[in-house]
């Protein structure tokens, strides 16, 4: 869910290493259910870590970190793949629009 596979930060052929069981499970199940995505809110305040983002009234993402940028707030959130490409709602009602990451994540 941290997109490490997209950053070439994990290896499926290396020997023993931290997180090996999770990586092996991901490789053999063939899918990831959550990804870290980037969102933009129209105004302050920043959202606290673990704040929820929802889609159709259901929590589908948790904020990892947020920061003010150009009078808006940008944040990273661990998000369910079913919410990929949708505008989400913050707990205070502001719309969180998905913005691009500096790398492609795909839907795998």
C-alpha atoms as a PDB file:
ATOM      1  CA  UNK A   1       0.000   0.000   0.000  1.00  0.00           C
ATOM      2  CA  UNK A   2       3.036   2.295   0.181  1.00  0.00           C
ATOM      3  CA  UNK A   3       3.685   1.864  -3.557  1.00  0.00           C
ATOM      4  CA  UNK A   4       7.114   0.346  -2.901  1.00  0.00           C
ATOM      5  CA  UNK A   5       6.665  -2.007  -5.842  1.00  0.00           C
ATOM      6  CA  UNK A   6       6.240   1.004  -8.154  1.00  0.00           C
ATOM      7  CA  UNK A   7       9.392   2.628  -6.792  1.00  0.00           C
ATOM      8  CA  UNK A   8      11.517  -0.504  -7.291  1.00  0.00           C
ATOM      9  CA  UNK A   9      12.040  -0.523  -3.524  1.00  0.00           C
ATOM     10  CA  UNK A  10      11.319  -4.241  -3.059  1.00  0.00           C
ATOM     11  CA  UNK A  11      12.678  -7.356  -4.668  1.00  0.00           C
ATOM     12  CA  UNK A  12      10.842 -10.635  -5.114  1.00  0.00           C
ATOM     13  CA  UNK A  13      14.111 -12.523  -5.716  1.00  0.00           C
ATOM     14  CA  UNK A  14      16.250 -11.339  -2.807  1.00  0.00           C
ATOM     15  CA  UNK A  15      16.912 -13.603   0.212  1.00  0.00           C
ATOM     16  CA  UNK A  16      15.561 -12.938   3.725  1.00  0.00           C
ATOM     17  CA  UNK A  17      14.636  -9.342   4.543  1.00  0.00           C
ATOM     18  CA  UNK A  18      12.262  -7.298   6.678  1.00  0.00           C
ATOM     19  CA  UNK A  19       8.683  -7.594   5.453  1.00  0.00           C
ATOM     20  CA  UNK A  20       9.402 -10.708   3.380  1.00  0.00           C
ATOM     21  CA  UNK A  21       6.137 -12.427   4.329  1.00  0.00           C
ATOM     22  CA  UNK A  22       4.006  -9.476   3.236  1.00  0.00           C
ATOM     23  CA  UNK A  23       5.903  -9.117  -0.024  1.00  0.00           C
ATOM     24  CA  UNK A  24       5.578 -12.852  -0.740  1.00  0.00           C
ATOM     25  CA  UNK A  25       1.857 -12.752   0.026  1.00  0.00           C
ATOM     26  CA  UNK A  26       1.418  -9.790  -2.322  1.00  0.00           C
ATOM     27  CA  UNK A  27       3.384 -11.517  -5.083  1.00  0.00           C
ATOM     28  CA  UNK A  28       1.439 -14.784  -4.832  1.00  0.00           C
ATOM     29  CA  UNK A  29      -2.021 -13.290  -4.371  1.00  0.00           C
ATOM     30  CA  UNK A  30      -1.303 -11.029  -7.305  1.00  0.00           C
ATOM     31  CA  UNK A  31      -3.083  -7.921  -6.108  1.00  0.00           C
ATOM     32  CA  UNK A  32      -2.876  -5.042  -3.719  1.00  0.00           C
ATOM     33  CA  UNK A  33      -6.054  -3.663  -2.141  1.00  0.00           C
ATOM     34  CA  UNK A  34      -4.758  -0.228  -1.084  1.00  0.00           C
ATOM     35  CA  UNK A  35      -2.318   2.343  -2.386  1.00  0.00           C
ATOM     36  CA  UNK A  36      -0.888   5.599  -1.121  1.00  0.00           C
ATOM     37  CA  UNK A  37      -2.447   8.390  -3.195  1.00  0.00           C
ATOM     38  CA  UNK A  38      -2.050  12.157  -3.257  1.00  0.00           C
ATOM     39  CA  UNK A  39      -4.991  14.547  -2.793  1.00  0.00           C
ATOM     40  CA  UNK A  40      -5.590  18.294  -2.756  1.00  0.00           C
ATOM     41  CA  UNK A  41      -8.050  20.147  -0.532  1.00  0.00           C
ATOM     42  CA  UNK A  42      -9.124  23.689  -1.477  1.00  0.00           C
ATOM     43  CA  UNK A  43      -8.196  25.425   1.795  1.00  0.00           C
ATOM     44  CA  UNK A  44      -6.761  25.091   5.274  1.00  0.00           C
ATOM     45  CA  UNK A  45      -6.666  23.602   7.874  1.00  0.00           C
ATOM     46  CA  UNK A  46      -4.435  20.612   7.308  1.00  0.00           C
ATOM     47  CA  UNK A  47      -5.881  17.200   8.135  1.00  0.00           C
ATOM     48  CA  UNK A  48      -4.459  15.230  11.040  1.00  0.00           C
ATOM     49  CA  UNK A  49      -2.831  11.842  10.477  1.00  0.00           C
ATOM     50  CA  UNK A  50      -5.413   9.020  10.492  1.00  0.00           C
ATOM     51  CA  UNK A  51      -8.245  11.404   9.562  1.00  0.00           C
ATOM     52  CA  UNK A  52     -10.701   9.668   7.277  1.00  0.00           C
ATOM     53  CA  UNK A  53     -11.705  10.389   3.694  1.00  0.00           C
ATOM     54  CA  UNK A  54     -14.991   8.979   2.457  1.00  0.00           C
ATOM     55  CA  UNK A  55     -16.746   8.020  -0.761  1.00  0.00           C
ATOM     56  CA  UNK A  56     -20.534   7.733  -0.762  1.00  0.00           C
ATOM     57  CA  UNK A  57     -20.555   7.918   3.039  1.00  0.00           C
ATOM     58  CA  UNK A  58     -18.045   5.095   3.526  1.00  0.00           C
ATOM     59  CA  UNK A  59     -14.501   5.619   4.827  1.00  0.00           C
ATOM     60  CA  UNK A  60     -12.129   4.546   2.058  1.00  0.00           C
ATOM     61  CA  UNK A  61      -8.898   6.321   2.992  1.00  0.00           C
ATOM     62  CA  UNK A  62      -6.764   7.404   5.957  1.00  0.00           C
ATOM     63  CA  UNK A  63      -4.498  10.433   5.898  1.00  0.00           C
ATOM     64  CA  UNK A  64      -0.811   9.709   6.375  1.00  0.00           C
ATOM     65  CA  UNK A  65       0.375  13.322   6.281  1.00  0.00           C
ATOM     66  CA  UNK A  66      -0.771  16.713   5.030  1.00  0.00           C
ATOM     67  CA  UNK A  67       0.830  20.094   4.390  1.00  0.00           C
ATOM     68  CA  UNK A  68      -0.225  23.536   3.195  1.00  0.00           C
ATOM     69  CA  UNK A  69       0.879  24.406  -0.325  1.00  0.00           C
ATOM     70  CA  UNK A  70      -0.140  27.532  -2.264  1.00  0.00           C
ATOM     71  CA  UNK A  71      -3.143  28.294   0.021  1.00  0.00           C
ATOM     72  CA  UNK A  72      -4.409  24.715  -0.436  1.00  0.00           C
ATOM     73  CA  UNK A  73      -3.676  21.523   1.456  1.00  0.00           C
ATOM     74  CA  UNK A  74      -1.970  18.540  -0.148  1.00  0.00           C
ATOM     75  CA  UNK A  75      -1.980  15.170   1.524  1.00  0.00           C
ATOM     76  CA  UNK A  76      -1.007  11.546   1.168  1.00  0.00           C
ATOM     77  CA  UNK A  77      -3.606   8.962   2.138  1.00  0.00           C
ATOM     78  CA  UNK A  78      -3.677   5.174   2.117  1.00  0.00           C
ATOM     79  CA  UNK A  79      -6.685   4.585  -0.120  1.00  0.00           C
ATOM     80  CA  UNK A  80      -8.774   1.604  -1.156  1.00  0.00           C
ATOM     81  CA  UNK A  81      -8.369   0.885  -4.875  1.00  0.00           C
ATOM     82  CA  UNK A  82     -12.146   1.106  -5.316  1.00  0.00           C
ATOM     83  CA  UNK A  83     -11.797   4.850  -4.655  1.00  0.00           C
ATOM     84  CA  UNK A  84      -9.085   5.330  -7.302  1.00  0.00           C
ATOM     85  CA  UNK A  85      -9.866   8.371  -9.460  1.00  0.00           C
ATOM     86  CA  UNK A  86     -12.775   9.611  -7.322  1.00  0.00           C
ATOM     87  CA  UNK A  87     -13.093  12.869  -5.403  1.00  0.00           C
ATOM     88  CA  UNK A  88     -13.367  12.027  -1.709  1.00  0.00           C
ATOM     89  CA  UNK A  89     -14.846  13.964   1.202  1.00  0.00           C
ATOM     90  CA  UNK A  90     -12.875  14.960   4.269  1.00  0.00           C
ATOM     91  CA  UNK A  91     -14.556  14.631   7.657  1.00  0.00           C
ATOM     92  CA  UNK A  92     -15.209  18.400   7.642  1.00  0.00           C
ATOM     93  CA  UNK A  93     -16.998  18.218   4.255  1.00  0.00           C
ATOM     94  CA  UNK A  94     -14.223  19.583   2.024  1.00  0.00           C
ATOM     95  CA  UNK A  95     -13.637  17.790  -1.277  1.00  0.00           C
ATOM     96  CA  UNK A  96     -10.308  16.010  -1.657  1.00  0.00           C
ATOM     97  CA  UNK A  97      -9.462  15.748  -5.351  1.00  0.00           C
ATOM     98  CA  UNK A  98      -6.908  13.131  -6.383  1.00  0.00           C
ATOM     99  CA  UNK A  99      -3.771  14.583  -7.977  1.00  0.00           C
ATOM    100  CA  UNK A 100      -0.937  12.775  -9.720  1.00  0.00           C
ATOM    101  CA  UNK A 101       2.003  11.221  -7.981  1.00  0.00           C
ATOM    102  CA  UNK A 102       5.466  11.649  -9.520  1.00  0.00           C
ATOM    103  CA  UNK A 103       5.210   8.027 -10.731  1.00  0.00           C
ATOM    104  CA  UNK A 104       2.476   5.848 -12.200  1.00  0.00           C
ATOM    105  CA  UNK A 105       0.667   3.399  -9.920  1.00  0.00           C
ATOM    106  CA  UNK A 106      -1.736   1.588 -12.274  1.00  0.00           C
ATOM    107  CA  UNK A 107      -4.498  -0.615 -10.914  1.00  0.00           C
ATOM    108  CA  UNK A 108      -2.544  -3.781 -10.137  1.00  0.00           C
END
